[in-house]
Amino acid sequence: MEREQHELYEYARRRIQQKKRLYFHFVILISFSLCLFISTKIFTTEINQNWLIFGITFWAFLFLLHFIKVYITDRFMNKNWEREQIDRLVSLQEKKINELQKKINEDPTP
């Protein structure tokens, strides 16, 4: 039972770390976006400002991918999911082996 509790603890710790990194990523995204926006308004230059929109959009897309990974992918495809898939595949293999064994036992060799 202690091993199971340790696995649950480790899983919870990893999930908290993932969420903590996601929140940190969000804060950095917002902070730098605001700083870039304000700096381009204060320091007017003749450089085309589409790079700012492109940069923030690209960073927001990366944040969206990070969000999907933390809240969707890792939430449903965790260790339990892996174990279930492995057990399912092992049972299918055992079933096929048993069927082949039955065929071998039923067929008399000449």
PDB file of N, CA and C in Angstrom:
ATOM      1  N   MET A   1       0.826  -1.201   0.000  1.00  0.00           N
ATOM      2  CA  MET A   1       0.000   0.000   0.000  1.00  0.00           C
ATOM      3  C   MET A   1       0.866   1.259   0.000  1.00  0.00           C
ATOM      4  N   GLU A   2       2.007   1.168   0.619  1.00  0.00           N
ATOM      5  CA  GLU A   2       2.879   2.334   0.700  1.00  0.00           C
ATOM      6  C   GLU A   2       3.378   2.748  -0.687  1.00  0.00           C
ATOM      7  N   ARG A   3       3.638   1.776  -1.545  1.00  0.00           N
ATOM      8  CA  ARG A   3       4.093   2.079  -2.903  1.00  0.00           C
ATOM      9  C   ARG A   3       3.018   2.825  -3.680  1.00  0.00           C
ATOM     10  N   GLU A   4       1.766   2.392  -3.539  1.00  0.00           N
ATOM     11  CA  GLU A   4       0.668   3.066  -4.220  1.00  0.00           C
ATOM     12  C   GLU A   4       0.516   4.500  -3.730  1.00  0.00           C
ATOM     13  N   GLN A   5       0.647   4.697  -2.436  1.00  0.00           N
ATOM     14  CA  GLN A   5       0.560   6.047  -1.887  1.00  0.00           C
ATOM     15  C   GLN A   5       1.699   6.918  -2.417  1.00  0.00           C
ATOM     16  N   HIS A   6       2.886   6.329  -2.516  1.00  0.00           N
ATOM     17  CA  HIS A   6       4.019   7.082  -3.041  1.00  0.00           C
ATOM     18  C   HIS A   6       3.788   7.450  -4.505  1.00  0.00           C
ATOM     19  N   GLU A   7       3.244   6.521  -5.295  1.00  0.00           N
ATOM     20  CA  GLU A   7       2.939   6.810  -6.697  1.00  0.00           C
ATOM     21  C   GLU A   7       1.891   7.913  -6.817  1.00  0.00           C
ATOM     22  N   LEU A   8       0.877   7.871  -5.966  1.00  0.00           N
ATOM     23  CA  LEU A   8      -0.137   8.928  -5.978  1.00  0.00           C
ATOM     24  C   LEU A   8       0.477  10.270  -5.614  1.00  0.00           C
ATOM     25  N   TYR A   9       1.349  10.258  -4.624  1.00  0.00           N
ATOM     26  CA  TYR A   9       2.016  11.481  -4.213  1.00  0.00           C
ATOM     27  C   TYR A   9       2.871  12.031  -5.352  1.00  0.00           C
ATOM     28  N   GLU A  10       3.636  11.172  -6.011  1.00  0.00           N
ATOM     29  CA  GLU A  10       4.499  11.605  -7.109  1.00  0.00           C
ATOM     30  C   GLU A  10       3.676  12.144  -8.271  1.00  0.00           C
ATOM     31  N   TYR A  11       2.567  11.494  -8.564  1.00  0.00           N
ATOM     32  CA  TYR A  11       1.698  11.967  -9.628  1.00  0.00           C
ATOM     33  C   TYR A  11       1.151  13.361  -9.289  1.00  0.00           C
ATOM     34  N   ALA A  12       0.691  13.534  -8.048  1.00  0.00           N
ATOM     35  CA  ALA A  12       0.165  14.834  -7.620  1.00  0.00           C
ATOM     36  C   ALA A  12       1.259  15.899  -7.669  1.00  0.00           C
ATOM     37  N   ARG A  13       2.457  15.544  -7.264  1.00  0.00           N
ATOM     38  CA  ARG A  13       3.564  16.499  -7.274  1.00  0.00           C
ATOM     39  C   ARG A  13       3.900  16.922  -8.707  1.00  0.00           C
ATOM     40  N   ARG A  14       3.922  15.962  -9.642  1.00  0.00           N
ATOM     41  CA  ARG A  14       4.205  16.287 -11.044  1.00  0.00           C
ATOM     42  C   ARG A  14       3.118  17.179 -11.641  1.00  0.00           C
ATOM     43  N   ARG A  15       1.859  16.878 -11.321  1.00  0.00           N
ATOM     44  CA  ARG A  15       0.755  17.696 -11.835  1.00  0.00           C
ATOM     45  C   ARG A  15       0.839  19.125 -11.307  1.00  0.00           C
ATOM     46  N   ILE A  16       1.184  19.266 -10.032  1.00  0.00           N
ATOM     47  CA  ILE A  16       1.311  20.607  -9.458  1.00  0.00           C
ATOM     48  C   ILE A  16       2.458  21.355 -10.135  1.00  0.00           C
ATOM     49  N   GLN A  17       3.560  20.679 -10.386  1.00  0.00           N
ATOM     50  CA  GLN A  17       4.686  21.303 -11.074  1.00  0.00           C
ATOM     51  C   GLN A  17       4.274  21.751 -12.477  1.00  0.00           C
ATOM     52  N   GLN A  18       3.535  20.913 -13.187  1.00  0.00           N
ATOM     53  CA  GLN A  18       3.081  21.274 -14.531  1.00  0.00           C
ATOM     54  C   GLN A  18       2.197  22.512 -14.488  1.00  0.00           C
ATOM     55  N   LYS A  19       1.255  22.527 -13.553  1.00  0.00           N
ATOM     56  CA  LYS A  19       0.355  23.676 -13.443  1.00  0.00           C
ATOM     57  C   LYS A  19       1.109  24.931 -13.030  1.00  0.00           C
ATOM     58  N   LYS A  20       2.067  24.777 -12.139  1.00  0.00           N
ATOM     59  CA  LYS A  20       2.868  25.918 -11.692  1.00  0.00           C
ATOM     60  C   LYS A  20       3.635  26.515 -12.870  1.00  0.00           C
ATOM     61  N   ARG A  21       4.238  25.669 -13.696  1.00  0.00           N
ATOM     62  CA  ARG A  21       4.957  26.149 -14.883  1.00  0.00           C
ATOM     63  C   ARG A  21       4.007  26.818 -15.870  1.00  0.00           C
ATOM     64  N   LEU A  22       2.803  26.260 -16.011  1.00  0.00           N
ATOM     65  CA  LEU A  22       1.823  26.856 -16.916  1.00  0.00           C
ATOM     66  C   LEU A  22       1.433  28.251 -16.451  1.00  0.00           C
ATOM     67  N   TYR A  23       1.151  28.414 -15.163  1.00  0.00           N
ATOM     68  CA  TYR A  23       0.791  29.728 -14.630  1.00  0.00           C
ATOM     69  C   TYR A  23       1.944  30.710 -14.782  1.00  0.00           C
ATOM     70  N   PHE A  24       3.162  30.236 -14.539  1.00  0.00           N
ATOM     71  CA  PHE A  24       4.335  31.083 -14.709  1.00  0.00           C
ATOM     72  C   PHE A  24       4.466  31.506 -16.168  1.00  0.00           C
ATOM     73  N   HIS A  25       4.250  30.582 -17.092  1.00  0.00           N
ATOM     74  CA  HIS A  25       4.287  30.882 -18.515  1.00  0.00           C
ATOM     75  C   HIS A  25       3.250  31.952 -18.856  1.00  0.00           C
ATOM     76  N   PHE A  26       2.067  31.842 -18.287  1.00  0.00           N
ATOM     77  CA  PHE A  26       1.007  32.821 -18.544  1.00  0.00           C
ATOM     78  C   PHE A  26       1.393  34.199 -18.028  1.00  0.00           C
ATOM     79  N   VAL A  27       1.932  34.265 -16.820  1.00  0.00           N
ATOM     80  CA  VAL A  27       2.334  35.551 -16.240  1.00  0.00           C
ATOM     81  C   VAL A  27       3.432  36.188 -17.082  1.00  0.00           C
ATOM     82  N   ILE A  28       4.405  35.414 -17.499  1.00  0.00           N
ATOM     83  CA  ILE A  28       5.483  35.939 -18.340  1.00  0.00           C
ATOM     84  C   ILE A  28       4.929  36.434 -19.676  1.00  0.00           C
ATOM     85  N   LEU A  29       4.021  35.670 -20.273  1.00  0.00           N
ATOM     86  CA  LEU A  29       3.403  36.074 -21.539  1.00  0.00           C
ATOM     87  C   LEU A  29       2.711  37.425 -21.399  1.00  0.00           C
ATOM     88  N   ILE A  30       1.892  37.568 -20.384  1.00  0.00           N
ATOM     89  CA  ILE A  30       1.163  38.826 -20.186  1.00  0.00           C
ATOM     90  C   ILE A  30       2.124  39.965 -19.881  1.00  0.00           C
ATOM     91  N   SER A  31       3.080  39.735 -18.994  1.00  0.00           N
ATOM     92  CA  SER A  31       4.028  40.781 -18.607  1.00  0.00           C
ATOM     93  C   SER A  31       4.836  41.285 -19.798  1.00  0.00           C
ATOM     94  N   PHE A  32       5.435  40.359 -20.533  1.00  0.00           N
ATOM     95  CA  PHE A  32       6.245  40.772 -21.678  1.00  0.00           C
ATOM     96  C   PHE A  32       5.393  41.389 -22.782  1.00  0.00           C
ATOM     97  N   SER A  33       4.190  40.904 -22.967  1.00  0.00           N
ATOM     98  CA  SER A  33       3.312  41.497 -23.980  1.00  0.00           C
ATOM     99  C   SER A  33       2.992  42.938 -23.630  1.00  0.00           C
ATOM    100  N   LEU A  34       2.673  43.172 -22.351  1.00  0.00           N
ATOM    101  CA  LEU A  34       2.394  44.543 -21.919  1.00  0.00           C
ATOM    102  C   LEU A  34       3.626  45.427 -22.044  1.00  0.00           C
ATOM    103  N   CYS A  35       4.765  44.910 -21.632  1.00  0.00           N
ATOM    104  CA  CYS A  35       6.003  45.692 -21.730  1.00  0.00           C
ATOM    105  C   CYS A  35       6.327  46.025 -23.181  1.00  0.00           C
ATOM    106  N   LEU A  36       6.199  45.053 -24.068  1.00  0.00           N
ATOM    107  CA  LEU A  36       6.463  45.314 -25.485  1.00  0.00           C
ATOM    108  C   LEU A  36       5.480  46.322 -26.058  1.00  0.00           C
ATOM    109  N   PHE A  37       4.229  46.173 -25.707  1.00  0.00           N
ATOM    110  CA  PHE A  37       3.205  47.091 -26.211  1.00  0.00           C
ATOM    111  C   PHE A  37       3.471  48.511 -25.723  1.00  0.00           C
ATOM    112  N   ILE A  38       3.737  48.647 -24.428  1.00  0.00           N
ATOM    113  CA  ILE A  38       3.983  49.972 -23.853  1.00  0.00           C
ATOM    114  C   ILE A  38       5.266  50.576 -24.424  1.00  0.00           C
ATOM    115  N   SER A  39       6.302  49.754 -24.545  1.00  0.00           N
ATOM    116  CA  SER A  39       7.564  50.287 -25.066  1.00  0.00           C
ATOM    117  C   SER A  39       7.436  50.735 -26.517  1.00  0.00           C
ATOM    118  N   THR A  40       6.629  50.048 -27.309  1.00  0.00           N
ATOM    119  CA  THR A  40       6.445  50.489 -28.695  1.00  0.00           C
ATOM    120  C   THR A  40       5.616  51.763 -28.765  1.00  0.00           C
ATOM    121  N   LYS A  41       4.751  51.998 -27.793  1.00  0.00           N
ATOM    122  CA  LYS A  41       3.964  53.240 -27.768  1.00  0.00           C
ATOM    123  C   LYS A  41       4.802  54.410 -27.252  1.00  0.00           C
ATOM    124  N   ILE A  42       5.666  54.147 -26.276  1.00  0.00           N
ATOM    125  CA  ILE A  42       6.499  55.213 -25.714  1.00  0.00           C
ATOM    126  C   ILE A  42       7.628  55.570 -26.672  1.00  0.00           C
ATOM    127  N   PHE A  43       8.339  54.549 -27.122  1.00  0.00           N
ATOM    128  CA  PHE A  43       9.462  54.763 -28.030  1.00  0.00           C
ATOM    129  C   PHE A  43       8.990  54.537 -29.462  1.00  0.00           C
ATOM    130  N   THR A  44       8.439  55.569 -30.021  1.00  0.00           N
ATOM    131  CA  THR A  44       7.926  55.429 -31.381  1.00  0.00           C
ATOM    132  C   THR A  44       9.096  55.344 -32.353  1.00  0.00           C
ATOM    133  N   THR A  45       9.071  54.311 -33.126  1.00  0.00           N
ATOM    134  CA  THR A  45      10.085  54.116 -34.146  1.00  0.00           C
ATOM    135  C   THR A  45       9.396  53.929 -35.485  1.00  0.00           C
ATOM    136  N   GLU A  46      10.192  53.968 -36.524  1.00  0.00           N
ATOM    137  CA  GLU A  46       9.622  53.799 -37.855  1.00  0.00           C
ATOM    138  C   GLU A  46       9.572  52.341 -38.277  1.00  0.00           C
ATOM    139  N   ILE A  47       9.892  51.450 -37.358  1.00  0.00           N
ATOM    140  CA  ILE A  47       9.846  50.019 -37.644  1.00  0.00           C
ATOM    141  C   ILE A  47       8.381  49.578 -37.703  1.00  0.00           C
ATOM    142  N   ASN A  48       8.067  48.724 -38.639  1.00  0.00           N
ATOM    143  CA  ASN A  48       6.712  48.202 -38.765  1.00  0.00           C
ATOM    144  C   ASN A  48       6.345  47.438 -37.487  1.00  0.00           C
ATOM    145  N   GLN A  49       5.200  47.748 -36.925  1.00  0.00           N
ATOM    146  CA  GLN A  49       4.830  47.144 -35.651  1.00  0.00           C
ATOM    147  C   GLN A  49       4.074  45.835 -35.807  1.00  0.00           C
ATOM    148  N   ASN A  50       4.002  45.296 -36.995  1.00  0.00           N
ATOM    149  CA  ASN A  50       3.381  43.986 -37.188  1.00  0.00           C
ATOM    150  C   ASN A  50       4.184  42.886 -36.511  1.00  0.00           C
ATOM    151  N   TRP A  51       5.471  43.093 -36.328  1.00  0.00           N
ATOM    152  CA  TRP A  51       6.295  42.089 -35.662  1.00  0.00           C
ATOM    153  C   TRP A  51       5.827  41.890 -34.229  1.00  0.00           C
ATOM    154  N   LEU A  52       5.346  42.972 -33.602  1.00  0.00           N
ATOM    155  CA  LEU A  52       4.840  42.876 -32.234  1.00  0.00           C
ATOM    156  C   LEU A  52       3.608  41.982 -32.190  1.00  0.00           C
ATOM    157  N   ILE A  53       2.690  42.203 -33.086  1.00  0.00           N
ATOM    158  CA  ILE A  53       1.467  41.386 -33.134  1.00  0.00           C
ATOM    159  C   ILE A  53       1.818  39.939 -33.459  1.00  0.00           C
ATOM    160  N   PHE A  54       2.731  39.757 -34.430  1.00  0.00           N
ATOM    161  CA  PHE A  54       3.148  38.402 -34.789  1.00  0.00           C
ATOM    162  C   PHE A  54       3.814  37.703 -33.607  1.00  0.00           C
ATOM    163  N   GLY A  55       4.706  38.402 -32.923  1.00  0.00           N
ATOM    164  CA  GLY A  55       5.423  37.820 -31.781  1.00  0.00           C
ATOM    165  C   GLY A  55       4.486  37.417 -30.649  1.00  0.00           C
ATOM    166  N   ILE A  56       3.581  38.304 -30.302  1.00  0.00           N
ATOM    167  CA  ILE A  56       2.639  38.013 -29.214  1.00  0.00           C
ATOM    168  C   ILE A  56       1.692  36.886 -29.623  1.00  0.00           C
ATOM    169  N   THR A  57       1.251  36.881 -30.873  1.00  0.00           N
ATOM    170  CA  THR A  57       0.369  35.809 -31.342  1.00  0.00           C
ATOM    171  C   THR A  57       1.087  34.465 -31.326  1.00  0.00           C
ATOM    172  N   PHE A  58       2.345  34.453 -31.769  1.00  0.00           N
ATOM    173  CA  PHE A  58       3.119  33.216 -31.761  1.00  0.00           C
ATOM    174  C   PHE A  58       3.317  32.714 -30.338  1.00  0.00           C
ATOM    175  N   TRP A  59       3.639  33.624 -29.419  1.00  0.00           N
ATOM    176  CA  TRP A  59       3.843  33.249 -28.022  1.00  0.00           C
ATOM    177  C   TRP A  59       2.531  32.756 -27.408  1.00  0.00           C
ATOM    178  N   ALA A  60       1.421  33.407 -27.749  1.00  0.00           N
ATOM    179  CA  ALA A  60       0.117  32.957 -27.248  1.00  0.00           C
ATOM    180  C   ALA A  60      -0.213  31.564 -27.785  1.00  0.00           C
ATOM    181  N   PHE A  61       0.173  31.284 -29.020  1.00  0.00           N
ATOM    182  CA  PHE A  61      -0.030  29.951 -29.587  1.00  0.00           C
ATOM    183  C   PHE A  61       0.783  28.911 -28.819  1.00  0.00           C
ATOM    184  N   LEU A  62       2.024  29.242 -28.500  1.00  0.00           N
ATOM    185  CA  LEU A  62       2.842  28.334 -27.690  1.00  0.00           C
ATOM    186  C   LEU A  62       2.222  28.113 -26.315  1.00  0.00           C
ATOM    187  N   PHE A  63       1.683  29.181 -25.730  1.00  0.00           N
ATOM    188  CA  PHE A  63       1.001  29.036 -24.445  1.00  0.00           C
ATOM    189  C   PHE A  63      -0.211  28.125 -24.575  1.00  0.00           C
ATOM    190  N   LEU A  64      -0.958  28.264 -25.665  1.00  0.00           N
ATOM    191  CA  LEU A  64      -2.122  27.405 -25.893  1.00  0.00           C
ATOM    192  C   LEU A  64      -1.704  25.940 -25.989  1.00  0.00           C
ATOM    193  N   LEU A  65      -0.604  25.668 -26.693  1.00  0.00           N
ATOM    194  CA  LEU A  65      -0.096  24.294 -26.764  1.00  0.00           C
ATOM    195  C   LEU A  65       0.302  23.781 -25.382  1.00  0.00           C
ATOM    196  N   HIS A  66       0.921  24.633 -24.589  1.00  0.00           N
ATOM    197  CA  HIS A  66       1.305  24.260 -23.226  1.00  0.00           C
ATOM    198  C   HIS A  66       0.053  23.960 -22.390  1.00  0.00           C
ATOM    199  N   PHE A  67      -0.968  24.801 -22.536  1.00  0.00           N
ATOM    200  CA  PHE A  67      -2.227  24.602 -21.818  1.00  0.00           C
ATOM    201  C   PHE A  67      -2.865  23.266 -22.194  1.00  0.00           C
ATOM    202  N   ILE A  68      -2.895  22.964 -23.493  1.00  0.00           N
ATOM    203  CA  ILE A  68      -3.482  21.702 -23.965  1.00  0.00           C
ATOM    204  C   ILE A  68      -2.717  20.520 -23.394  1.00  0.00           C
ATOM    205  N   LYS A  69      -1.397  20.622 -23.376  1.00  0.00           N
ATOM    206  CA  LYS A  69      -0.579  19.534 -22.845  1.00  0.00           C
ATOM    207  C   LYS A  69      -0.879  19.297 -21.366  1.00  0.00           C
ATOM    208  N   VAL A  70      -0.953  20.370 -20.586  1.00  0.00           N
ATOM    209  CA  VAL A  70      -1.148  20.216 -19.142  1.00  0.00           C
ATOM    210  C   VAL A  70      -2.565  19.782 -18.799  1.00  0.00           C
ATOM    211  N   TYR A  71      -3.572  20.419 -19.374  1.00  0.00           N
ATOM    212  CA  TYR A  71      -4.943  20.178 -18.948  1.00  0.00           C
ATOM    213  C   TYR A  71      -5.695  19.132 -19.762  1.00  0.00           C
ATOM    214  N   ILE A  72      -5.209  18.768 -20.916  1.00  0.00           N
ATOM    215  CA  ILE A  72      -5.940  17.792 -21.724  1.00  0.00           C
ATOM    216  C   ILE A  72      -5.121  16.524 -21.909  1.00  0.00           C
ATOM    217  N   THR A  73      -3.973  16.641 -22.541  1.00  0.00           N
ATOM    218  CA  THR A  73      -3.178  15.460 -22.873  1.00  0.00           C
ATOM    219  C   THR A  73      -2.695  14.723 -21.638  1.00  0.00           C
ATOM    220  N   ASP A  74      -1.988  15.418 -20.757  1.00  0.00           N
ATOM    221  CA  ASP A  74      -1.419  14.756 -19.579  1.00  0.00           C
ATOM    222  C   ASP A  74      -2.482  14.340 -18.568  1.00  0.00           C
ATOM    223  N   ARG A  75      -3.603  14.996 -18.588  1.00  0.00           N
ATOM    224  CA  ARG A  75      -4.662  14.653 -17.641  1.00  0.00           C
ATOM    225  C   ARG A  75      -5.282  13.290 -17.959  1.00  0.00           C
ATOM    226  N   PHE A  76      -5.432  13.003 -19.245  1.00  0.00           N
ATOM    227  CA  PHE A  76      -6.090  11.762 -19.637  1.00  0.00           C
ATOM    228  C   PHE A  76      -5.117  10.651 -20.008  1.00  0.00           C
ATOM    229  N   MET A  77      -3.918  11.015 -20.393  1.00  0.00           N
ATOM    230  CA  MET A  77      -2.938  10.008 -20.802  1.00  0.00           C
ATOM    231  C   MET A  77      -1.835   9.920 -19.757  1.00  0.00           C
ATOM    232  N   ASN A  78      -2.200   9.521 -18.571  1.00  0.00           N
ATOM    233  CA  ASN A  78      -1.240   9.418 -17.473  1.00  0.00           C
ATOM    234  C   ASN A  78      -0.836   7.961 -17.275  1.00  0.00           C
ATOM    235  N   LYS A  79      -0.223   7.672 -16.133  1.00  0.00           N
ATOM    236  CA  LYS A  79       0.255   6.313 -15.848  1.00  0.00           C
ATOM    237  C   LYS A  79      -0.890   5.299 -15.831  1.00  0.00           C
ATOM    238  N   ASN A  80      -2.036   5.680 -15.286  1.00  0.00           N
ATOM    239  CA  ASN A  80      -3.178   4.757 -15.263  1.00  0.00           C
ATOM    240  C   ASN A  80      -3.611   4.403 -16.683  1.00  0.00           C
ATOM    241  N   TRP A  81      -3.640   5.395 -17.563  1.00  0.00           N
ATOM    242  CA  TRP A  81      -4.010   5.150 -18.952  1.00  0.00           C
ATOM    243  C   TRP A  81      -2.999   4.205 -19.589  1.00  0.00           C
ATOM    244  N   GLU A  82      -1.707   4.440 -19.333  1.00  0.00           N
ATOM    245  CA  GLU A  82      -0.669   3.560 -19.878  1.00  0.00           C
ATOM    246  C   GLU A  82      -0.860   2.131 -19.398  1.00  0.00           C
ATOM    247  N   ARG A  83      -1.116   1.955 -18.104  1.00  0.00           N
ATOM    248  CA  ARG A  83      -1.315   0.613 -17.543  1.00  0.00           C
ATOM    249  C   ARG A  83      -2.511  -0.074 -18.172  1.00  0.00           C
ATOM    250  N   GLU A  84      -3.611   0.660 -18.336  1.00  0.00           N
ATOM    251  CA  GLU A  84      -4.805   0.081 -18.951  1.00  0.00           C
ATOM    252  C   GLU A  84      -4.529  -0.360 -20.385  1.00  0.00           C
ATOM    253  N   GLN A  85      -3.803   0.471 -21.132  1.00  0.00           N
ATOM    254  CA  GLN A  85      -3.482   0.121 -22.516  1.00  0.00           C
ATOM    255  C   GLN A  85      -2.564  -1.099 -22.576  1.00  0.00           C
ATOM    256  N   ILE A  86      -1.586  -1.150 -21.697  1.00  0.00           N
ATOM    257  CA  ILE A  86      -0.675  -2.295 -21.654  1.00  0.00           C
ATOM    258  C   ILE A  86      -1.438  -3.554 -21.287  1.00  0.00           C
ATOM    259  N   ASP A  87      -2.280  -3.476 -20.256  1.00  0.00           N
ATOM    260  CA  ASP A  87      -3.081  -4.638 -19.850  1.00  0.00           C
ATOM    261  C   ASP A  87      -3.990  -5.112 -20.982  1.00  0.00           C
ATOM    262  N   ARG A  88      -4.584  -4.172 -21.683  1.00  0.00           N
ATOM    263  CA  ARG A  88      -5.471  -4.516 -22.797  1.00  0.00           C
ATOM    264  C   ARG A  88      -4.694  -5.229 -23.900  1.00  0.00           C
ATOM    265  N   LEU A  89      -3.516  -4.687 -24.251  1.00  0.00           N
ATOM    266  CA  LEU A  89      -2.722  -5.314 -25.310  1.00  0.00           C
ATOM    267  C   LEU A  89      -2.192  -6.682 -24.884  1.00  0.00           C
ATOM    268  N   VAL A  90      -1.802  -6.812 -23.628  1.00  0.00           N
ATOM    269  CA  VAL A  90      -1.322  -8.102 -23.137  1.00  0.00           C
ATOM    270  C   VAL A  90      -2.444  -9.132 -23.176  1.00  0.00           C
ATOM    271  N   SER A  91      -3.641  -8.724 -22.766  1.00  0.00           N
ATOM    272  CA  SER A  91      -4.768  -9.672 -22.794  1.00  0.00           C
ATOM    273  C   SER A  91      -5.115 -10.076 -24.226  1.00  0.00           C
ATOM    274  N   LEU A  92      -5.017  -9.146 -25.166  1.00  0.00           N
ATOM    275  CA  LEU A  92      -5.259  -9.494 -26.568  1.00  0.00           C
ATOM    276  C   LEU A  92      -4.213 -10.482 -27.068  1.00  0.00           C
ATOM    277  N   GLN A  93      -2.963 -10.262 -26.705  1.00  0.00           N
ATOM    278  CA  GLN A  93      -1.902 -11.186 -27.113  1.00  0.00           C
ATOM    279  C   GLN A  93      -2.114 -12.563 -26.489  1.00  0.00           C
ATOM    280  N   GLU A  94      -2.472 -12.598 -25.222  1.00  0.00           N
ATOM    281  CA  GLU A  94      -2.720 -13.878 -24.554  1.00  0.00           C
ATOM    282  C   GLU A  94      -3.894 -14.606 -25.205  1.00  0.00           C
ATOM    283  N   LYS A  95      -4.914 -13.858 -25.583  1.00  0.00           N
ATOM    284  CA  LYS A  95      -6.071 -14.458 -26.239  1.00  0.00           C
ATOM    285  C   LYS A  95      -5.666 -15.077 -27.575  1.00  0.00           C
ATOM    286  N   LYS A  96      -4.863 -14.374 -28.349  1.00  0.00           N
ATOM    287  CA  LYS A  96      -4.408 -14.899 -29.634  1.00  0.00           C
ATOM    288  C   LYS A  96      -3.522 -16.123 -29.436  1.00  0.00           C
ATOM    289  N   ILE A  97      -2.669 -16.081 -28.445  1.00  0.00           N
ATOM    290  CA  ILE A  97      -1.806 -17.231 -28.162  1.00  0.00           C
ATOM    291  C   ILE A  97      -2.647 -18.438 -27.769  1.00  0.00           C
ATOM    292  N   ASN A  98      -3.668 -18.238 -26.945  1.00  0.00           N
ATOM    293  CA  ASN A  98      -4.557 -19.331 -26.537  1.00  0.00           C
ATOM    294  C   ASN A  98      -5.311 -19.904 -27.733  1.00  0.00           C
ATOM    295  N   GLU A  99      -5.756 -19.043 -28.636  1.00  0.00           N
ATOM    296  CA  GLU A  99      -6.452 -19.521 -29.832  1.00  0.00           C
ATOM    297  C   GLU A  99      -5.516 -20.345 -30.709  1.00  0.00           C
ATOM    298  N   LEU A 100      -4.295 -19.865 -30.873  1.00  0.00           N
ATOM    299  CA  LEU A 100      -3.317 -20.626 -31.660  1.00  0.00           C
ATOM    300  C   LEU A 100      -2.990 -21.960 -30.987  1.00  0.00           C
ATOM    301  N   GLN A 101      -2.892 -21.955 -29.680  1.00  0.00           N
ATOM    302  CA  GLN A 101      -2.613 -23.187 -28.940  1.00  0.00           C
ATOM    303  C   GLN A 101      -3.750 -24.188 -29.107  1.00  0.00           C
ATOM    304  N   LYS A 102      -5.003 -23.690 -29.088  1.00  0.00           N
ATOM    305  CA  LYS A 102      -6.149 -24.570 -29.310  1.00  0.00           C
ATOM    306  C   LYS A 102      -6.105 -25.189 -30.708  1.00  0.00           C
ATOM    307  N   LYS A 103      -5.759 -24.368 -31.693  1.00  0.00           N
ATOM    308  CA  LYS A 103      -5.691 -24.878 -33.077  1.00  0.00           C
ATOM    309  C   LYS A 103      -4.609 -25.945 -33.189  1.00  0.00           C
ATOM    310  N   ILE A 104      -3.497 -25.724 -32.540  1.00  0.00           N
ATOM    311  CA  ILE A 104      -2.418 -26.714 -32.570  1.00  0.00           C
ATOM    312  C   ILE A 104      -2.858 -27.999 -31.905  1.00  0.00           C
ATOM    313  N   ASN A 105      -3.552 -27.886 -30.782  1.00  0.00           N
ATOM    314  CA  ASN A 105      -3.992 -29.078 -30.044  1.00  0.00           C
ATOM    315  C   ASN A 105      -5.105 -29.821 -30.790  1.00  0.00           C
ATOM    316  N   GLU A 106      -5.961 -29.116 -31.523  1.00  0.00           N
ATOM    317  CA  GLU A 106      -7.069 -29.754 -32.233  1.00  0.00           C
ATOM    318  C   GLU A 106      -6.627 -30.424 -33.525  1.00  0.00           C
ATOM    319  N   ASP A 107      -5.685 -29.866 -34.216  1.00  0.00           N
ATOM    320  CA  ASP A 107      -5.224 -30.420 -35.492  1.00  0.00           C
ATOM    321  C   ASP A 107      -4.267 -31.593 -35.243  1.00  0.00           C
ATOM    322  N   PRO A 108      -4.701 -32.799 -35.647  1.00  0.00           N
ATOM    323  CA  PRO A 108      -3.768 -33.921 -35.497  1.00  0.00           C
ATOM    324  C   PRO A 108      -2.720 -33.861 -36.606  1.00  0.00           C
ATOM    325  N   THR A 109      -1.537 -34.111 -36.247  1.00  0.00           N
ATOM    326  CA  THR A 109      -0.448 -34.119 -37.237  1.00  0.00           C
ATOM    327  C   THR A 109      -0.343 -35.496 -37.857  1.00  0.00           C
ATOM    328  N   PRO A 110      -0.114 -35.576 -39.175  1.00  0.00           N
ATOM    329  CA  PRO A 110      -0.049 -36.911 -39.817  1.00  0.00           C
ATOM    330  C   PRO A 110       1.225 -37.653 -39.546  1.00  0.00           C
TER     331      PRO A 110
END
